[in-house]
């Protein structure tokens, strides 16, 4: 399919997002370049970074970003600091200023239109519970909205709306890629879609497992629909760990596994791509 319109779809997943950097490195080495990049939550951050430099330099910049995360997790900090932030914001454990500064420093592009590759990210508008796609205008506020994980970061105000994590409504936006005309879709997920769910052992994990089942059902339906007219490639992470849906994505300990996740995803994706390219 030499005339295929290729899309990279980057899922949500918090601190597990370094997995996507290993996948991007392998895709670049195989000469697979995107015409379209879509991201949800942490996938919006990685996706925008790669859309700015869709090459080996972009991967190197993302790698350094995640190595910095490994040294100082954005979800680290003392209990006193977290309680203090919660007391001030009343809605989240962390303020958005540090993430805002990080994105402003990392992204030379100020507007979506400045990116060399078409990029879009998804958020949910709180007032009407609607899925909203940002594809034009200011870049950083849209990414902040897409990655505003409930309880972790506060909702983001854009114009007259308040937005939070797009992964709530569309964690792996394969359907959007197809609507935009993609005929070859590479899904860069962080392991949740290929691994078994743990058996719940308390009321909270039961509720979160149910939510994850709903998300996977939507994803599977979207993939089935997309496969009617497009190639869909779910890239492997190389990890055999069963993820805890109530903790793993935001556990500070996951920041220390950044390099391990990158390397595992790179090796597994390289092995997969050798079979299809």
Protein backbone atom coordinates (compact mmCIF):
# COMPACT_ATOMS: atom_id res chain seq x y z
CA UNK A 1 0.00 0.00 0.00
CA UNK A 2 2.53 2.58 -1.15
CA UNK A 3 -0.23 5.18 -1.48
CA UNK A 4 -1.59 4.50 1.99
CA UNK A 5 -2.39 7.37 4.32
CA UNK A 6 -0.60 6.38 7.49
CA UNK A 7 -1.78 7.33 10.97
CA UNK A 8 -0.03 6.91 14.31
CA UNK A 9 -2.57 6.62 17.14
CA UNK A 10 -1.09 7.11 20.62
CA UNK A 11 -3.14 5.96 23.59
CA UNK A 12 -3.39 7.24 27.13
CA UNK A 13 -1.55 5.56 29.97
CA UNK A 14 0.16 8.01 32.32
CA UNK A 15 3.67 7.01 33.36
CA UNK A 16 3.49 3.96 31.10
CA UNK A 17 3.77 6.35 28.15
CA UNK A 18 7.51 5.83 27.71
CA UNK A 19 6.50 2.60 25.96
CA UNK A 20 5.43 4.70 22.96
CA UNK A 21 8.92 6.17 22.57
CA UNK A 22 10.40 2.72 21.97
CA UNK A 23 7.72 2.04 19.38
CA UNK A 24 8.39 5.36 17.63
CA UNK A 25 12.10 4.59 17.49
CA UNK A 26 11.42 1.30 15.73
CA UNK A 27 8.92 2.86 13.30
CA UNK A 28 11.47 5.53 12.35
CA UNK A 29 14.19 2.94 11.76
CA UNK A 30 11.88 1.05 9.41
CA UNK A 31 11.19 4.24 7.48
CA UNK A 32 7.51 4.32 8.43
CA UNK A 33 6.39 7.94 8.60
CA UNK A 34 2.95 9.29 9.54
CA UNK A 35 0.67 11.53 7.55
CA UNK A 36 -1.44 11.95 10.67
CA UNK A 37 -0.79 11.68 14.42
CA UNK A 38 -3.58 11.42 16.99
CA UNK A 39 -3.16 11.29 20.76
CA UNK A 40 -5.12 10.91 23.97
CA UNK A 41 -3.80 11.89 27.40
CA UNK A 42 -0.08 11.01 27.62
CA UNK A 43 -0.35 10.07 23.95
CA UNK A 44 -1.14 13.72 23.22
CA UNK A 45 2.16 14.76 24.83
CA UNK A 46 4.21 12.13 23.02
CA UNK A 47 2.28 12.67 19.79
CA UNK A 48 2.82 16.42 19.74
CA UNK A 49 6.52 15.99 20.47
CA UNK A 50 6.92 13.57 17.59
CA UNK A 51 4.72 15.62 15.24
CA UNK A 52 7.10 18.51 15.80
CA UNK A 53 10.07 16.37 14.67
CA UNK A 54 8.81 13.17 13.00
CA UNK A 55 12.28 11.66 12.77
CA UNK A 56 15.17 10.28 14.82
CA UNK A 57 15.76 13.71 16.39
CA UNK A 58 12.19 13.81 17.63
CA UNK A 59 12.58 10.37 19.18
CA UNK A 60 15.81 11.49 20.86
CA UNK A 61 14.06 14.53 22.34
CA UNK A 62 11.22 12.40 23.68
CA UNK A 63 13.73 9.93 25.09
CA UNK A 64 15.46 12.71 27.02
CA UNK A 65 12.11 13.98 28.24
CA UNK A 66 11.28 10.56 29.67
CA UNK A 67 14.72 10.16 31.20
CA UNK A 68 14.03 13.41 33.04
CA UNK A 69 10.73 11.92 34.18
CA UNK A 70 12.64 8.91 35.50
CA UNK A 71 14.78 11.20 37.62
CA UNK A 72 11.86 13.19 38.97
CA UNK A 73 8.39 11.79 38.45
CA UNK A 74 5.66 14.38 37.87
CA UNK A 75 3.59 12.28 40.30
CA UNK A 76 6.21 12.29 43.05
CA UNK A 77 6.34 14.57 46.07
CA UNK A 78 5.58 14.36 49.74
CA UNK A 79 2.15 13.67 51.17
CA UNK A 80 2.24 17.16 52.68
CA UNK A 81 2.81 18.70 49.22
CA UNK A 82 -0.04 16.72 47.72
CA UNK A 83 -2.45 17.62 50.51
CA UNK A 84 -1.42 21.27 50.19
CA UNK A 85 -2.18 21.25 46.46
CA UNK A 86 -5.48 19.48 47.06
CA UNK A 87 -6.42 22.07 49.68
CA UNK A 88 -5.72 24.89 47.22
CA UNK A 89 -7.32 23.42 44.10
CA UNK A 90 -9.91 21.19 45.80
CA UNK A 91 -9.97 19.03 42.67
CA UNK A 92 -6.48 17.59 42.07
CA UNK A 93 -3.31 16.33 43.71
CA UNK A 94 -1.06 18.35 41.41
CA UNK A 95 -1.15 21.77 39.82
CA UNK A 96 -0.73 22.14 36.06
CA UNK A 97 2.00 24.78 36.13
CA UNK A 98 4.94 22.36 35.99
CA UNK A 99 3.45 20.43 33.07
CA UNK A 100 2.63 23.71 31.34
CA UNK A 101 6.25 24.85 31.68
CA UNK A 102 7.54 21.50 30.44
CA UNK A 103 5.37 21.58 27.32
CA UNK A 104 6.21 25.20 26.60
CA UNK A 105 9.93 24.39 26.83
CA UNK A 106 9.72 21.22 24.73
CA UNK A 107 7.45 22.45 21.95
CA UNK A 108 8.75 25.06 19.54
CA UNK A 109 5.42 24.99 17.73
CA UNK A 110 2.86 27.29 19.32
CA UNK A 111 -0.08 26.40 17.09
CA UNK A 112 -1.28 23.12 15.60
CA UNK A 113 -0.74 24.69 12.20
CA UNK A 114 3.00 25.08 12.94
CA UNK A 115 3.54 21.31 13.07
CA UNK A 116 4.93 19.62 9.92
CA UNK A 117 2.59 16.65 10.42
CA UNK A 118 -1.16 16.91 11.00
CA UNK A 119 -1.84 16.35 14.70
CA UNK A 120 -4.95 16.16 16.83
CA UNK A 121 -5.67 15.41 20.47
CA UNK A 122 -8.86 14.53 22.27
CA UNK A 123 -10.37 15.85 25.49
CA UNK A 124 -13.76 15.67 27.15
CA UNK A 125 -15.81 18.84 27.71
CA UNK A 126 -17.08 18.53 31.25
CA UNK A 127 -20.26 20.59 30.91
CA UNK A 128 -21.87 18.31 28.34
CA UNK A 129 -19.67 15.18 28.64
CA UNK A 130 -18.78 15.46 24.94
CA UNK A 131 -15.69 14.20 23.19
CA UNK A 132 -13.90 17.20 21.68
CA UNK A 133 -11.02 17.17 19.20
CA UNK A 134 -8.43 19.91 19.06
CA UNK A 135 -6.79 20.19 15.63
CA UNK A 136 -6.12 23.91 15.25
CA UNK A 137 -5.21 26.93 17.33
CA UNK A 138 -2.99 27.07 20.45
CA UNK A 139 -1.17 23.79 21.02
CA UNK A 140 -0.17 23.68 24.70
CA UNK A 141 -3.62 24.40 26.21
CA UNK A 142 -5.12 21.62 24.09
CA UNK A 143 -2.48 19.12 25.23
CA UNK A 144 -2.98 20.16 28.85
CA UNK A 145 -6.71 19.54 28.43
CA UNK A 146 -6.17 16.14 26.83
CA UNK A 147 -3.81 15.05 29.62
CA UNK A 148 -5.69 16.48 32.63
CA UNK A 149 -6.19 13.15 34.38
CA UNK A 150 -9.09 13.37 36.86
CA UNK A 151 -7.87 13.95 40.39
CA UNK A 152 -4.27 14.21 39.22
CA UNK A 153 -4.40 17.52 37.34
CA UNK A 154 -7.18 20.14 37.45
CA UNK A 155 -9.57 20.67 34.54
CA UNK A 156 -8.34 23.09 31.87
CA UNK A 157 -10.38 26.10 30.80
CA UNK A 158 -10.39 26.86 27.08
CA UNK A 159 -12.75 29.60 25.90
CA UNK A 160 -16.04 28.94 27.72
CA UNK A 161 -15.43 25.24 28.33
CA UNK A 162 -13.69 23.15 30.98
CA UNK A 163 -11.88 20.05 29.77
CA UNK A 164 -10.23 16.96 31.17
CA UNK A 165 -8.42 13.80 30.07
CA UNK A 166 -9.51 12.64 26.62
CA UNK A 167 -8.68 9.07 27.55
CA UNK A 168 -11.90 8.96 29.55
CA UNK A 169 -14.02 9.01 26.40
CA UNK A 170 -11.63 7.74 23.72
CA UNK A 171 -8.42 6.22 25.12
CA UNK A 172 -7.26 4.78 21.77
CA UNK A 173 -8.83 6.91 19.01
CA UNK A 174 -8.65 4.50 16.09
CA UNK A 175 -12.11 5.61 14.96
CA UNK A 176 -10.94 9.20 14.51
CA UNK A 177 -8.01 8.07 12.36
CA UNK A 178 -10.36 6.23 10.05
CA UNK A 179 -12.74 9.19 9.83
CA UNK A 180 -9.80 11.33 8.71
CA UNK A 181 -9.06 8.93 5.88
CA UNK A 182 -6.26 6.77 7.25
CA UNK A 183 -5.81 3.52 5.36
CA UNK A 184 -2.93 2.24 7.49
CA UNK A 185 -3.11 2.71 11.26
CA UNK A 186 -0.37 1.97 13.77
CA UNK A 187 -1.68 1.85 17.33
CA UNK A 188 0.88 2.82 19.96
CA UNK A 189 -0.73 1.61 23.17
CA UNK A 190 0.97 1.10 26.52
CA UNK A 191 0.01 -2.49 27.28
CA UNK A 192 -3.52 -2.24 28.54
CA UNK A 193 -5.02 -3.55 25.31
CA UNK A 194 -2.82 -6.63 24.97
CA UNK A 195 -2.58 -7.80 28.57
CA UNK A 196 -4.96 -9.59 30.87
CA UNK A 197 -6.85 -7.61 33.46
CA UNK A 198 -6.20 -8.49 37.11
CA UNK A 199 -9.03 -10.05 39.06
CA UNK A 200 -10.51 -7.31 41.29
CA UNK A 201 -9.95 -7.75 45.02
CA UNK A 202 -11.71 -4.68 46.44
CA UNK A 203 -14.64 -2.39 45.56
CA UNK A 204 -12.46 0.30 43.97
CA UNK A 205 -10.58 -2.13 41.74
CA UNK A 206 -13.90 -3.73 40.77
CA UNK A 207 -15.27 -0.39 39.60
CA UNK A 208 -12.08 0.51 37.73
CA UNK A 209 -11.90 -2.91 36.11
CA UNK A 210 -15.47 -2.46 34.88
CA UNK A 211 -14.48 0.91 33.40
CA UNK A 212 -11.49 -0.68 31.68
CA UNK A 213 -13.73 -3.39 30.22
CA UNK A 214 -15.99 -0.70 28.73
CA UNK A 215 -12.97 1.07 27.22
CA UNK A 216 -11.61 -2.12 25.71
CA UNK A 217 -14.99 -3.00 24.27
CA UNK A 218 -15.14 0.39 22.54
CA UNK A 219 -11.60 -0.04 21.24
CA UNK A 220 -12.28 -3.54 19.91
CA UNK A 221 -15.43 -2.32 18.16
CA UNK A 222 -13.52 0.60 16.63
CA UNK A 223 -10.75 -1.68 15.38
CA UNK A 224 -13.24 -4.12 13.87
CA UNK A 225 -14.93 -1.24 12.04
CA UNK A 226 -11.63 0.27 10.88
CA UNK A 227 -10.38 -3.07 9.56
CA UNK A 228 -13.15 -3.04 6.98
CA UNK A 229 -11.22 -0.43 5.00
CA UNK A 230 -7.79 -0.05 6.64
CA UNK A 231 -4.78 -1.99 7.90
CA UNK A 232 -4.67 -1.77 11.69
CA UNK A 233 -1.47 -2.70 13.52
CA UNK A 234 -1.55 -2.97 17.31
CA UNK A 235 2.11 -2.60 18.21
CA UNK A 236 3.32 -4.85 21.04
CA UNK A 237 4.89 -3.53 24.23
CA UNK A 238 7.02 -6.56 24.99
CA UNK A 239 5.85 -6.52 28.60
CA UNK A 240 4.28 -9.55 30.25
CA UNK A 241 3.30 -7.70 33.40
CA UNK A 242 -0.37 -7.76 34.35
CA UNK A 243 -1.22 -4.12 34.95
CA UNK A 244 -3.07 -2.88 37.99
CA UNK A 245 -5.73 -0.63 36.48
CA UNK A 246 -6.15 1.30 39.73
CA UNK A 247 -2.51 2.24 40.17
CA UNK A 248 0.08 1.47 37.50
CA UNK A 249 -0.34 4.46 35.21
CA UNK A 250 0.20 6.96 38.01
CA UNK A 251 2.46 5.03 40.39
CA UNK A 252 5.72 6.99 40.90
CA UNK A 253 7.59 3.68 40.86
CA UNK A 254 6.69 3.31 37.19
CA UNK A 255 8.90 6.34 36.42
CA UNK A 256 11.92 4.24 37.35
CA UNK A 257 11.01 1.69 34.67
CA UNK A 258 11.18 4.20 31.82
CA UNK A 259 14.20 2.73 30.04
CA UNK A 260 13.01 -0.82 30.57
CA UNK A 261 9.66 -0.04 28.96
CA UNK A 262 11.28 1.80 26.05
CA UNK A 263 13.67 -1.07 25.34
CA UNK A 264 11.00 -3.76 25.64
CA UNK A 265 8.64 -1.91 23.30
CA UNK A 266 11.44 -1.21 20.82
CA UNK A 267 12.48 -4.88 20.68
CA UNK A 268 8.92 -6.18 20.42
CA UNK A 269 7.89 -3.63 17.78
CA UNK A 270 11.02 -4.27 15.73
CA UNK A 271 10.27 -7.99 15.73
CA UNK A 272 6.68 -7.27 14.68
CA UNK A 273 7.60 -4.84 11.90
CA UNK A 274 10.10 -7.27 10.39
CA UNK A 275 7.14 -9.55 9.67
CA UNK A 276 4.99 -6.95 7.92
CA UNK A 277 7.36 -4.57 6.12
